[in-house]
Amino acid sequence: MSPQQIPTVTVPELPVQLPAEGGPLLVDVREPDEWAAGHIDGALHIPMGDFLARINEVPQDRDVVVVCRSGRRSAEVTAYLARGGWQARNLEDGMLAWQAAGRPMISETPLAPTVR
C-alpha cells in the first residue's frame, strides 16, 4: 500500500470529545514516555514495537483511528490494519495536530499534558 493509499482522517473530522458513542477507537502507537506526557483520554495504548503481539486487542468490528506524534508510525500501522481487513484510518499529522487544534489531552505525570 503506497502512502497515498493509506486512509486518513483530520482532527476537525473527529468529535471533540473522544471516545464518542459510536465513534472510532483511537489506538496510540507512541512509546510509553510519549504516552505519559500527553494522550487522548480513552485511547488504547499499544506501542508500535508491541503491536503485532497485541493486535488481538484491536476489534475488527469497529472503526479504528491510529495516532502517533506526527503520523508516520501510525501510517505504517494503519496500512497493516487495512491490509488485514480493519476499517482503519491514520490521524493526519498525529498528536501534533491534535494539540495544535486545542483538543483535550490527559497526562500520566504531574505536568500539564503535552506532545513529545
PDB file of N, CA and C in Angstrom:
ATOM      1  N   MET A   1       0.855  -1.172   0.000  1.00  0.00           N
ATOM      2  CA  MET A   1       0.000   0.000   0.000  1.00  0.00           C
ATOM      3  C   MET A   1       0.901   1.235   0.000  1.00  0.00           C
ATOM      4  N   SER A   2       0.712   2.094  -0.989  1.00  0.00           N
ATOM      5  CA  SER A   2       1.529   3.305  -1.075  1.00  0.00           C
ATOM      6  C   SER A   2       1.038   4.329  -0.048  1.00  0.00           C
ATOM      7  N   PRO A   3       1.886   5.291   0.310  1.00  0.00           N
ATOM      8  CA  PRO A   3       1.465   6.306   1.280  1.00  0.00           C
ATOM      9  C   PRO A   3       0.188   7.041   0.859  1.00  0.00           C
ATOM     10  N   GLN A   4      -0.007   7.232  -0.439  1.00  0.00           N
ATOM     11  CA  GLN A   4      -1.202   7.924  -0.919  1.00  0.00           C
ATOM     12  C   GLN A   4      -2.463   7.081  -0.742  1.00  0.00           C
ATOM     13  N   GLN A   5      -2.318   5.778  -0.587  1.00  0.00           N
ATOM     14  CA  GLN A   5      -3.468   4.887  -0.451  1.00  0.00           C
ATOM     15  C   GLN A   5      -3.882   4.662   1.004  1.00  0.00           C
ATOM     16  N   ILE A   6      -3.083   5.125   1.941  1.00  0.00           N
ATOM     17  CA  ILE A   6      -3.400   4.914   3.356  1.00  0.00           C
ATOM     18  C   ILE A   6      -4.564   5.825   3.736  1.00  0.00           C
ATOM     19  N   PRO A   7      -5.658   5.247   4.230  1.00  0.00           N
ATOM     20  CA  PRO A   7      -6.806   6.071   4.619  1.00  0.00           C
ATOM     21  C   PRO A   7      -6.435   7.011   5.770  1.00  0.00           C
ATOM     22  N   THR A   8      -6.861   8.262   5.663  1.00  0.00           N
ATOM     23  CA  THR A   8      -6.539   9.247   6.697  1.00  0.00           C
ATOM     24  C   THR A   8      -7.805   9.946   7.184  1.00  0.00           C
ATOM     25  N   VAL A   9      -7.658  10.602   8.314  1.00  0.00           N
ATOM     26  CA  VAL A   9      -8.696  11.453   8.880  1.00  0.00           C
ATOM     27  C   VAL A   9      -7.976  12.649   9.500  1.00  0.00           C
ATOM     28  N   THR A  10      -8.603  13.811   9.444  1.00  0.00           N
ATOM     29  CA  THR A  10      -8.011  15.001  10.051  1.00  0.00           C
ATOM     30  C   THR A  10      -8.654  15.252  11.411  1.00  0.00           C
ATOM     31  N   VAL A  11      -7.991  16.039  12.221  1.00  0.00           N
ATOM     32  CA  VAL A  11      -8.517  16.357  13.552  1.00  0.00           C
ATOM     33  C   VAL A  11      -9.925  16.958  13.474  1.00  0.00           C
ATOM     34  N   PRO A  12     -10.191  17.948  12.588  1.00  0.00           N
ATOM     35  CA  PRO A  12     -11.548  18.516  12.560  1.00  0.00           C
ATOM     36  C   PRO A  12     -12.645  17.510  12.188  1.00  0.00           C
ATOM     37  N   GLU A  13     -12.274  16.412  11.554  1.00  0.00           N
ATOM     38  CA  GLU A  13     -13.264  15.399  11.180  1.00  0.00           C
ATOM     39  C   GLU A  13     -13.668  14.503  12.348  1.00  0.00           C
ATOM     40  N   LEU A  14     -12.936  14.576  13.450  1.00  0.00           N
ATOM     41  CA  LEU A  14     -13.224  13.740  14.616  1.00  0.00           C
ATOM     42  C   LEU A  14     -14.015  14.519  15.658  1.00  0.00           C
ATOM     43  N   PRO A  15     -14.849  13.814  16.451  1.00  0.00           N
ATOM     44  CA  PRO A  15     -15.558  14.502  17.534  1.00  0.00           C
ATOM     45  C   PRO A  15     -14.563  15.147  18.503  1.00  0.00           C
ATOM     46  N   VAL A  16     -14.956  16.279  19.087  1.00  0.00           N
ATOM     47  CA  VAL A  16     -14.078  16.965  20.044  1.00  0.00           C
ATOM     48  C   VAL A  16     -13.816  16.077  21.248  1.00  0.00           C
ATOM     49  N   GLN A  17     -14.843  15.453  21.772  1.00  0.00           N
ATOM     50  CA  GLN A  17     -14.684  14.574  22.929  1.00  0.00           C
ATOM     51  C   GLN A  17     -14.654  13.125  22.463  1.00  0.00           C
ATOM     52  N   LEU A  18     -13.574  12.482  22.737  1.00  0.00           N
ATOM     53  CA  LEU A  18     -13.436  11.060  22.420  1.00  0.00           C
ATOM     54  C   LEU A  18     -13.128  10.326  23.708  1.00  0.00           C
ATOM     55  N   PRO A  19     -13.535   9.102  23.883  1.00  0.00           N
ATOM     56  CA  PRO A  19     -14.304   8.351  22.896  1.00  0.00           C
ATOM     57  C   PRO A  19     -15.749   8.837  22.848  1.00  0.00           C
ATOM     58  N   ALA A  20     -16.295   8.869  21.657  1.00  0.00           N
ATOM     59  CA  ALA A  20     -17.690   9.257  21.454  1.00  0.00           C
ATOM     60  C   ALA A  20     -18.502   7.995  21.192  1.00  0.00           C
ATOM     61  N   GLU A  21     -19.722   7.989  21.674  1.00  0.00           N
ATOM     62  CA  GLU A  21     -20.571   6.822  21.463  1.00  0.00           C
ATOM     63  C   GLU A  21     -20.717   6.576  19.966  1.00  0.00           C
ATOM     64  N   GLY A  22     -20.413   5.367  19.551  1.00  0.00           N
ATOM     65  CA  GLY A  22     -20.479   5.018  18.141  1.00  0.00           C
ATOM     66  C   GLY A  22     -19.297   5.533  17.343  1.00  0.00           C
ATOM     67  N   GLY A  23     -18.395   6.243  18.001  1.00  0.00           N
ATOM     68  CA  GLY A  23     -17.234   6.805  17.314  1.00  0.00           C
ATOM     69  C   GLY A  23     -16.110   5.791  17.203  1.00  0.00           C
ATOM     70  N   PRO A  24     -15.033   6.188  16.563  1.00  0.00           N
ATOM     71  CA  PRO A  24     -13.922   5.269  16.354  1.00  0.00           C
ATOM     72  C   PRO A  24     -13.134   4.990  17.637  1.00  0.00           C
ATOM     73  N   LEU A  25     -12.454   3.863  17.628  1.00  0.00           N
ATOM     74  CA  LEU A  25     -11.493   3.537  18.675  1.00  0.00           C
ATOM     75  C   LEU A  25     -10.172   4.181  18.291  1.00  0.00           C
ATOM     76  N   LEU A  26      -9.593   4.959  19.187  1.00  0.00           N
ATOM     77  CA  LEU A  26      -8.279   5.534  18.934  1.00  0.00           C
ATOM     78  C   LEU A  26      -7.212   4.600  19.478  1.00  0.00           C
ATOM     79  N   VAL A  27      -6.231   4.301  18.641  1.00  0.00           N
ATOM     80  CA  VAL A  27      -5.112   3.459  19.036  1.00  0.00           C
ATOM     81  C   VAL A  27      -3.851   4.304  18.923  1.00  0.00           C
ATOM     82  N   ASP A  28      -3.197   4.534  20.045  1.00  0.00           N
ATOM     83  CA  ASP A  28      -1.998   5.362  20.120  1.00  0.00           C
ATOM     84  C   ASP A  28      -0.788   4.442  20.107  1.00  0.00           C
ATOM     85  N   VAL A  29       0.065   4.583  19.085  1.00  0.00           N
ATOM     86  CA  VAL A  29       1.203   3.670  18.919  1.00  0.00           C
ATOM     87  C   VAL A  29       2.531   4.300  19.343  1.00  0.00           C
ATOM     88  N   ARG A  30       2.471   5.392  20.106  1.00  0.00           N
ATOM     89  CA  ARG A  30       3.701   6.036  20.568  1.00  0.00           C
ATOM     90  C   ARG A  30       4.338   5.253  21.714  1.00  0.00           C
ATOM     91  N   GLU A  31       5.557   5.623  22.018  1.00  0.00           N
ATOM     92  CA  GLU A  31       6.309   4.984  23.095  1.00  0.00           C
ATOM     93  C   GLU A  31       5.731   5.395  24.456  1.00  0.00           C
ATOM     94  N   PRO A  32       5.992   4.595  25.506  1.00  0.00           N
ATOM     95  CA  PRO A  32       5.417   4.889  26.825  1.00  0.00           C
ATOM     96  C   PRO A  32       5.708   6.295  27.356  1.00  0.00           C
ATOM     97  N   ASP A  33       6.908   6.825  27.132  1.00  0.00           N
ATOM     98  CA  ASP A  33       7.206   8.170  27.637  1.00  0.00           C
ATOM     99  C   ASP A  33       6.398   9.237  26.896  1.00  0.00           C
ATOM    100  N   GLU A  34       6.160   9.026  25.608  1.00  0.00           N
ATOM    101  CA  GLU A  34       5.339   9.959  24.838  1.00  0.00           C
ATOM    102  C   GLU A  34       3.889   9.918  25.329  1.00  0.00           C
ATOM    103  N   TRP A  35       3.394   8.694  25.540  1.00  0.00           N
ATOM    104  CA  TRP A  35       2.030   8.491  26.044  1.00  0.00           C
ATOM    105  C   TRP A  35       1.862   9.171  27.405  1.00  0.00           C
ATOM    106  N   ALA A  36       2.823   8.959  28.303  1.00  0.00           N
ATOM    107  CA  ALA A  36       2.728   9.510  29.657  1.00  0.00           C
ATOM    108  C   ALA A  36       2.680  11.037  29.643  1.00  0.00           C
ATOM    109  N   ALA A  37       3.398  11.663  28.705  1.00  0.00           N
ATOM    110  CA  ALA A  37       3.446  13.128  28.641  1.00  0.00           C
ATOM    111  C   ALA A  37       2.107  13.730  28.242  1.00  0.00           C
ATOM    112  N   GLY A  38       1.350  13.032  27.410  1.00  0.00           N
ATOM    113  CA  GLY A  38       0.048  13.543  26.998  1.00  0.00           C
ATOM    114  C   GLY A  38      -0.587  12.656  25.957  1.00  0.00           C
ATOM    115  N   HIS A  39      -1.854  12.305  26.179  1.00  0.00           N
ATOM    116  CA  HIS A  39      -2.570  11.458  25.221  1.00  0.00           C
ATOM    117  C   HIS A  39      -4.061  11.764  25.266  1.00  0.00           C
ATOM    118  N   ILE A  40      -4.772  11.200  24.315  1.00  0.00           N
ATOM    119  CA  ILE A  40      -6.217  11.385  24.223  1.00  0.00           C
ATOM    120  C   ILE A  40      -6.880  10.437  25.214  1.00  0.00           C
ATOM    121  N   ASP A  41      -7.724  10.989  26.067  1.00  0.00           N
ATOM    122  CA  ASP A  41      -8.432  10.177  27.052  1.00  0.00           C
ATOM    123  C   ASP A  41      -9.272   9.122  26.329  1.00  0.00           C
ATOM    124  N   GLY A  42      -9.174   7.893  26.779  1.00  0.00           N
ATOM    125  CA  GLY A  42      -9.943   6.805  26.191  1.00  0.00           C
ATOM    126  C   GLY A  42      -9.239   6.072  25.073  1.00  0.00           C
ATOM    127  N   ALA A  43      -8.073   6.560  24.649  1.00  0.00           N
ATOM    128  CA  ALA A  43      -7.326   5.879  23.588  1.00  0.00           C
ATOM    129  C   ALA A  43      -6.724   4.586  24.133  1.00  0.00           C
ATOM    130  N   LEU A  44      -6.555   3.635  23.258  1.00  0.00           N
ATOM    131  CA  LEU A  44      -5.889   2.378  23.578  1.00  0.00           C
ATOM    132  C   LEU A  44      -4.412   2.548  23.265  1.00  0.00           C
ATOM    133  N   HIS A  45      -3.542   2.291  24.237  1.00  0.00           N
ATOM    134  CA  HIS A  45      -2.106   2.464  24.033  1.00  0.00           C
ATOM    135  C   HIS A  45      -1.455   1.133  23.705  1.00  0.00           C
ATOM    136  N   ILE A  46      -0.950   1.026  22.488  1.00  0.00           N
ATOM    137  CA  ILE A  46      -0.165  -0.137  22.073  1.00  0.00           C
ATOM    138  C   ILE A  46       1.060   0.402  21.342  1.00  0.00           C
ATOM    139  N   PRO A  47       2.225   0.468  22.001  1.00  0.00           N
ATOM    140  CA  PRO A  47       3.417   0.962  21.317  1.00  0.00           C
ATOM    141  C   PRO A  47       3.675   0.178  20.027  1.00  0.00           C
ATOM    142  N   MET A  48       4.149   0.872  19.008  1.00  0.00           N
ATOM    143  CA  MET A  48       4.350   0.248  17.707  1.00  0.00           C
ATOM    144  C   MET A  48       5.172  -1.029  17.803  1.00  0.00           C
ATOM    145  N   GLY A  49       6.197  -1.037  18.633  1.00  0.00           N
ATOM    146  CA  GLY A  49       7.045  -2.214  18.776  1.00  0.00           C
ATOM    147  C   GLY A  49       6.329  -3.424  19.349  1.00  0.00           C
ATOM    148  N   ASP A  50       5.214  -3.204  20.030  1.00  0.00           N
ATOM    149  CA  ASP A  50       4.422  -4.293  20.619  1.00  0.00           C
ATOM    150  C   ASP A  50       3.196  -4.641  19.788  1.00  0.00           C
ATOM    151  N   PHE A  51       2.995  -3.925  18.689  1.00  0.00           N
ATOM    152  CA  PHE A  51       1.714  -4.001  18.002  1.00  0.00           C
ATOM    153  C   PHE A  51       1.356  -5.401  17.508  1.00  0.00           C
ATOM    154  N   LEU A  52       2.263  -6.067  16.851  1.00  0.00           N
ATOM    155  CA  LEU A  52       1.931  -7.398  16.319  1.00  0.00           C
ATOM    156  C   LEU A  52       1.574  -8.373  17.427  1.00  0.00           C
ATOM    157  N   ALA A  53       2.258  -8.286  18.553  1.00  0.00           N
ATOM    158  CA  ALA A  53       1.975  -9.190  19.672  1.00  0.00           C
ATOM    159  C   ALA A  53       0.635  -8.872  20.339  1.00  0.00           C
ATOM    160  N   ARG A  54       0.149  -7.646  20.168  1.00  0.00           N
ATOM    161  CA  ARG A  54      -1.082  -7.226  20.851  1.00  0.00           C
ATOM    162  C   ARG A  54      -2.223  -6.892  19.893  1.00  0.00           C
ATOM    163  N   ILE A  55      -2.086  -7.268  18.631  1.00  0.00           N
ATOM    164  CA  ILE A  55      -3.079  -6.898  17.621  1.00  0.00           C
ATOM    165  C   ILE A  55      -4.476  -7.401  17.967  1.00  0.00           C
ATOM    166  N   ASN A  56      -4.540  -8.490  18.738  1.00  0.00           N
ATOM    167  CA  ASN A  56      -5.855  -9.039  19.110  1.00  0.00           C
ATOM    168  C   ASN A  56      -6.642  -8.088  20.014  1.00  0.00           C
ATOM    169  N   GLU A  57      -6.012  -7.048  20.543  1.00  0.00           N
ATOM    170  CA  GLU A  57      -6.705  -6.059  21.369  1.00  0.00           C
ATOM    171  C   GLU A  57      -7.494  -5.045  20.529  1.00  0.00           C
ATOM    172  N   VAL A  58      -7.264  -5.066  19.219  1.00  0.00           N
ATOM    173  CA  VAL A  58      -7.933  -4.124  18.324  1.00  0.00           C
ATOM    174  C   VAL A  58      -9.110  -4.835  17.663  1.00  0.00           C
ATOM    175  N   PRO A  59     -10.342  -4.469  18.024  1.00  0.00           N
ATOM    176  CA  PRO A  59     -11.504  -5.164  17.465  1.00  0.00           C
ATOM    177  C   PRO A  59     -11.654  -4.902  15.968  1.00  0.00           C
ATOM    178  N   GLN A  60     -12.011  -5.952  15.239  1.00  0.00           N
ATOM    179  CA  GLN A  60     -12.182  -5.804  13.793  1.00  0.00           C
ATOM    180  C   GLN A  60     -13.564  -5.279  13.424  1.00  0.00           C
ATOM    181  N   ASP A  61     -14.472  -5.217  14.381  1.00  0.00           N
ATOM    182  CA  ASP A  61     -15.832  -4.780  14.078  1.00  0.00           C
ATOM    183  C   ASP A  61     -16.068  -3.311  14.435  1.00  0.00           C
ATOM    184  N   ARG A  62     -15.001  -2.561  14.558  1.00  0.00           N
ATOM    185  CA  ARG A  62     -15.111  -1.157  14.948  1.00  0.00           C
ATOM    186  C   ARG A  62     -14.163  -0.319  14.107  1.00  0.00           C
ATOM    187  N   ASP A  63     -14.575   0.898  13.759  1.00  0.00           N
ATOM    188  CA  ASP A  63     -13.671   1.814  13.069  1.00  0.00           C
ATOM    189  C   ASP A  63     -12.516   2.153  14.006  1.00  0.00           C
ATOM    190  N   VAL A  64     -11.325   2.238  13.433  1.00  0.00           N
ATOM    191  CA  VAL A  64     -10.120   2.491  14.216  1.00  0.00           C
ATOM    192  C   VAL A  64      -9.403   3.707  13.637  1.00  0.00           C
ATOM    193  N   VAL A  65      -8.955   4.602  14.509  1.00  0.00           N
ATOM    194  CA  VAL A  65      -8.086   5.705  14.118  1.00  0.00           C
ATOM    195  C   VAL A  65      -6.771   5.495  14.851  1.00  0.00           C
ATOM    196  N   VAL A  66      -5.685   5.430  14.084  1.00  0.00           N
ATOM    197  CA  VAL A  66      -4.359   5.188  14.650  1.00  0.00           C
ATOM    198  C   VAL A  66      -3.622   6.522  14.723  1.00  0.00           C
ATOM    199  N   VAL A  67      -2.943   6.750  15.854  1.00  0.00           N
ATOM    200  CA  VAL A  67      -2.278   8.028  16.080  1.00  0.00           C
ATOM    201  C   VAL A  67      -0.875   7.816  16.640  1.00  0.00           C
ATOM    202  N   CYS A  68       0.031   8.695  16.234  1.00  0.00           N
ATOM    203  CA  CYS A  68       1.367   8.777  16.839  1.00  0.00           C
ATOM    204  C   CYS A  68       1.687  10.272  16.957  1.00  0.00           C
ATOM    205  N   ARG A  69       2.931  10.622  17.093  1.00  0.00           N
ATOM    206  CA  ARG A  69       3.287  12.033  17.267  1.00  0.00           C
ATOM    207  C   ARG A  69       2.970  12.847  16.013  1.00  0.00           C
ATOM    208  N   SER A  70       3.440  12.380  14.844  1.00  0.00           N
ATOM    209  CA  SER A  70       3.308  13.180  13.619  1.00  0.00           C
ATOM    210  C   SER A  70       2.564  12.482  12.489  1.00  0.00           C
ATOM    211  N   GLY A  71       2.239  11.212  12.654  1.00  0.00           N
ATOM    212  CA  GLY A  71       1.516  10.482  11.621  1.00  0.00           C
ATOM    213  C   GLY A  71       2.332   9.474  10.843  1.00  0.00           C
ATOM    214  N   ARG A  72       3.623   9.411  11.057  1.00  0.00           N
ATOM    215  CA  ARG A  72       4.471   8.492  10.296  1.00  0.00           C
ATOM    216  C   ARG A  72       4.347   7.054  10.802  1.00  0.00           C
ATOM    217  N   ARG A  73       4.561   6.839  12.091  1.00  0.00           N
ATOM    218  CA  ARG A  73       4.434   5.481  12.643  1.00  0.00           C
ATOM    219  C   ARG A  73       3.005   4.978  12.508  1.00  0.00           C
ATOM    220  N   SER A  74       2.061   5.852  12.794  1.00  0.00           N
ATOM    221  CA  SER A  74       0.661   5.436  12.711  1.00  0.00           C
ATOM    222  C   SER A  74       0.257   5.100  11.282  1.00  0.00           C
ATOM    223  N   ALA A  75       0.877   5.715  10.289  1.00  0.00           N
ATOM    224  CA  ALA A  75       0.582   5.376   8.890  1.00  0.00           C
ATOM    225  C   ALA A  75       0.986   3.933   8.604  1.00  0.00           C
ATOM    226  N   GLU A  76       2.127   3.509   9.127  1.00  0.00           N
ATOM    227  CA  GLU A  76       2.568   2.122   8.925  1.00  0.00           C
ATOM    228  C   GLU A  76       1.592   1.142   9.565  1.00  0.00           C
ATOM    229  N   VAL A  77       1.162   1.443  10.783  1.00  0.00           N
ATOM    230  CA  VAL A  77       0.220   0.567  11.480  1.00  0.00           C
ATOM    231  C   VAL A  77      -1.135   0.583  10.775  1.00  0.00           C
ATOM    232  N   THR A  78      -1.573   1.751  10.329  1.00  0.00           N
ATOM    233  CA  THR A  78      -2.845   1.850   9.604  1.00  0.00           C
ATOM    234  C   THR A  78      -2.813   0.998   8.346  1.00  0.00           C
ATOM    235  N   ALA A  79      -1.725   1.063   7.589  1.00  0.00           N
ATOM    236  CA  ALA A  79      -1.604   0.260   6.368  1.00  0.00           C
ATOM    237  C   ALA A  79      -1.675  -1.224   6.696  1.00  0.00           C
ATOM    238  N   TYR A  80      -1.009  -1.634   7.761  1.00  0.00           N
ATOM    239  CA  TYR A  80      -1.034  -3.041   8.174  1.00  0.00           C
ATOM    240  C   TYR A  80      -2.460  -3.471   8.526  1.00  0.00           C
ATOM    241  N   LEU A  81      -3.147  -2.659   9.309  1.00  0.00           N
ATOM    242  CA  LEU A  81      -4.516  -2.984   9.697  1.00  0.00           C
ATOM    243  C   LEU A  81      -5.441  -3.031   8.480  1.00  0.00           C
ATOM    244  N   ALA A  82      -5.314  -2.058   7.591  1.00  0.00           N
ATOM    245  CA  ALA A  82      -6.173  -2.013   6.401  1.00  0.00           C
ATOM    246  C   ALA A  82      -5.968  -3.260   5.540  1.00  0.00           C
ATOM    247  N   ARG A  83      -4.727  -3.690   5.390  1.00  0.00           N
ATOM    248  CA  ARG A  83      -4.454  -4.919   4.619  1.00  0.00           C
ATOM    249  C   ARG A  83      -5.070  -6.129   5.296  1.00  0.00           C
ATOM    250  N   GLY A  84      -5.205  -6.086   6.620  1.00  0.00           N
ATOM    251  CA  GLY A  84      -5.767  -7.203   7.370  1.00  0.00           C
ATOM    252  C   GLY A  84      -7.281  -7.173   7.500  1.00  0.00           C
ATOM    253  N   GLY A  85      -7.923  -6.172   6.915  1.00  0.00           N
ATOM    254  CA  GLY A  85      -9.376  -6.129   6.930  1.00  0.00           C
ATOM    255  C   GLY A  85     -10.005  -5.174   7.926  1.00  0.00           C
ATOM    256  N   TRP A  86      -9.202  -4.487   8.717  1.00  0.00           N
ATOM    257  CA  TRP A  86      -9.744  -3.494   9.652  1.00  0.00           C
ATOM    258  C   TRP A  86     -10.170  -2.243   8.894  1.00  0.00           C
ATOM    259  N   GLN A  87     -11.167  -1.545   9.420  1.00  0.00           N
ATOM    260  CA  GLN A  87     -11.548  -0.224   8.917  1.00  0.00           C
ATOM    261  C   GLN A  87     -10.705   0.784   9.697  1.00  0.00           C
ATOM    262  N   ALA A  88      -9.497   1.038   9.201  1.00  0.00           N
ATOM    263  CA  ALA A  88      -8.535   1.862   9.934  1.00  0.00           C
ATOM    264  C   ALA A  88      -8.177   3.108   9.138  1.00  0.00           C
ATOM    265  N   ARG A  89      -7.979   4.208   9.880  1.00  0.00           N
ATOM    266  CA  ARG A  89      -7.529   5.463   9.284  1.00  0.00           C
ATOM    267  C   ARG A  89      -6.398   6.029  10.136  1.00  0.00           C
ATOM    268  N   ASN A  90      -5.511   6.737   9.479  1.00  0.00           N
ATOM    269  CA  ASN A  90      -4.387   7.379  10.140  1.00  0.00           C
ATOM    270  C   ASN A  90      -4.770   8.817  10.479  1.00  0.00           C
ATOM    271  N   LEU A  91      -4.489   9.249  11.722  1.00  0.00           N
ATOM    272  CA  LEU A  91      -4.737  10.644  12.080  1.00  0.00           C
ATOM    273  C   LEU A  91      -3.647  11.500  11.449  1.00  0.00           C
ATOM    274  N   GLU A  92      -4.042  12.282  10.459  1.00  0.00           N
ATOM    275  CA  GLU A  92      -3.111  13.119   9.713  1.00  0.00           C
ATOM    276  C   GLU A  92      -2.408  14.107  10.653  1.00  0.00           C
ATOM    277  N   ASP A  93      -1.099  14.118  10.600  1.00  0.00           N
ATOM    278  CA  ASP A  93      -0.240  14.977  11.426  1.00  0.00           C
ATOM    279  C   ASP A  93      -0.301  14.659  12.916  1.00  0.00           C
ATOM    280  N   GLY A  94      -0.950  13.562  13.271  1.00  0.00           N
ATOM    281  CA  GLY A  94      -0.884  12.978  14.597  1.00  0.00           C
ATOM    282  C   GLY A  94      -1.233  13.888  15.763  1.00  0.00           C
ATOM    283  N   MET A  95      -0.587  13.581  16.885  1.00  0.00           N
ATOM    284  CA  MET A  95      -0.845  14.317  18.121  1.00  0.00           C
ATOM    285  C   MET A  95      -0.408  15.776  18.026  1.00  0.00           C
ATOM    286  N   LEU A  96       0.537  16.069  17.151  1.00  0.00           N
ATOM    287  CA  LEU A  96       0.919  17.472  16.964  1.00  0.00           C
ATOM    288  C   LEU A  96      -0.277  18.281  16.466  1.00  0.00           C
ATOM    289  N   ALA A  97      -1.042  17.716  15.528  1.00  0.00           N
ATOM    290  CA  ALA A  97      -2.238  18.398  15.018  1.00  0.00           C
ATOM    291  C   ALA A  97      -3.327  18.450  16.083  1.00  0.00           C
ATOM    292  N   TRP A  98      -3.454  17.363  16.854  1.00  0.00           N
ATOM    293  CA  TRP A  98      -4.460  17.316  17.926  1.00  0.00           C
ATOM    294  C   TRP A  98      -4.199  18.442  18.932  1.00  0.00           C
ATOM    295  N   GLN A  99      -2.948  18.555  19.372  1.00  0.00           N
ATOM    296  CA  GLN A  99      -2.584  19.589  20.343  1.00  0.00           C
ATOM    297  C   GLN A  99      -2.741  20.984  19.740  1.00  0.00           C
ATOM    298  N   ALA A 100      -2.319  21.173  18.487  1.00  0.00           N
ATOM    299  CA  ALA A 100      -2.420  22.482  17.834  1.00  0.00           C
ATOM    300  C   ALA A 100      -3.872  22.939  17.710  1.00  0.00           C
ATOM    301  N   ALA A 101      -4.792  21.982  17.592  1.00  0.00           N
ATOM    302  CA  ALA A 101      -6.216  22.311  17.489  1.00  0.00           C
ATOM    303  C   ALA A 101      -6.842  22.579  18.857  1.00  0.00           C
ATOM    304  N   GLY A 102      -6.054  22.440  19.916  1.00  0.00           N
ATOM    305  CA  GLY A 102      -6.563  22.690  21.262  1.00  0.00           C
ATOM    306  C   GLY A 102      -7.471  21.599  21.788  1.00  0.00           C
ATOM    307  N   ARG A 103      -7.341  20.407  21.226  1.00  0.00           N
ATOM    308  CA  ARG A 103      -8.177  19.287  21.662  1.00  0.00           C
ATOM    309  C   ARG A 103      -7.714  18.792  23.030  1.00  0.00           C
ATOM    310  N   PRO A 104      -8.629  18.232  23.831  1.00  0.00           N
ATOM    311  CA  PRO A 104      -8.274  17.820  25.194  1.00  0.00           C
ATOM    312  C   PRO A 104      -7.328  16.621  25.228  1.00  0.00           C
ATOM    313  N   MET A 105      -6.420  16.682  26.194  1.00  0.00           N
ATOM    314  CA  MET A 105      -5.481  15.588  26.438  1.00  0.00           C
ATOM    315  C   MET A 105      -5.363  15.400  27.944  1.00  0.00           C
ATOM    316  N   ILE A 106      -4.891  14.234  28.330  1.00  0.00           N
ATOM    317  CA  ILE A 106      -4.581  13.972  29.729  1.00  0.00           C
ATOM    318  C   ILE A 106      -3.134  13.528  29.818  1.00  0.00           C
ATOM    319  N   SER A 107      -2.583  13.578  31.031  1.00  0.00           N
ATOM    320  CA  SER A 107      -1.185  13.235  31.267  1.00  0.00           C
ATOM    321  C   SER A 107      -1.089  12.216  32.391  1.00  0.00           C
ATOM    322  N   GLU A 108      -0.074  11.397  32.332  1.00  0.00           N
ATOM    323  CA  GLU A 108       0.209  10.438  33.402  1.00  0.00           C
ATOM    324  C   GLU A 108       1.243  11.011  34.374  1.00  0.00           C
ATOM    325  N   THR A 109       1.596  12.273  34.189  1.00  0.00           N
ATOM    326  CA  THR A 109       2.587  12.932  35.039  1.00  0.00           C
ATOM    327  C   THR A 109       1.918  14.116  35.737  1.00  0.00           C
ATOM    328  N   PRO A 110       2.588  14.712  36.728  1.00  0.00           N
ATOM    329  CA  PRO A 110       2.014  15.890  37.381  1.00  0.00           C
ATOM    330  C   PRO A 110       2.042  17.138  36.490  1.00  0.00           C
ATOM    331  N   LEU A 111       2.721  17.070  35.360  1.00  0.00           N
ATOM    332  CA  LEU A 111       2.825  18.219  34.457  1.00  0.00           C
ATOM    333  C   LEU A 111       1.607  18.305  33.548  1.00  0.00           C
ATOM    334  N   ALA A 112       1.398  19.476  32.969  1.00  0.00           N
ATOM    335  CA  ALA A 112       0.304  19.655  32.009  1.00  0.00           C
ATOM    336  C   ALA A 112       0.549  18.758  30.795  1.00  0.00           C
ATOM    337  N   PRO A 113      -0.513  18.219  30.206  1.00  0.00           N
ATOM    338  CA  PRO A 113      -0.343  17.349  29.042  1.00  0.00           C
ATOM    339  C   PRO A 113       0.329  18.079  27.887  1.00  0.00           C
ATOM    340  N   THR A 114       1.222  17.383  27.219  1.00  0.00           N
ATOM    341  CA  THR A 114       1.915  17.931  26.056  1.00  0.00           C
ATOM    342  C   THR A 114       2.290  16.789  25.127  1.00  0.00           C
ATOM    343  N   VAL A 115       2.671  17.139  23.918  1.00  0.00           N
ATOM    344  CA  VAL A 115       3.111  16.141  22.942  1.00  0.00           C
ATOM    345  C   VAL A 115       4.619  16.183  22.875  1.00  0.00           C
ATOM    346  N   ARG A 116       5.231  15.003  23.030  1.00  0.00           N
ATOM    347  CA  ARG A 116       6.689  14.884  22.905  1.00  0.00           C
ATOM    348  C   ARG A 116       7.017  14.090  21.682  1.00  0.00           C
TER     349      ARG A 116
END
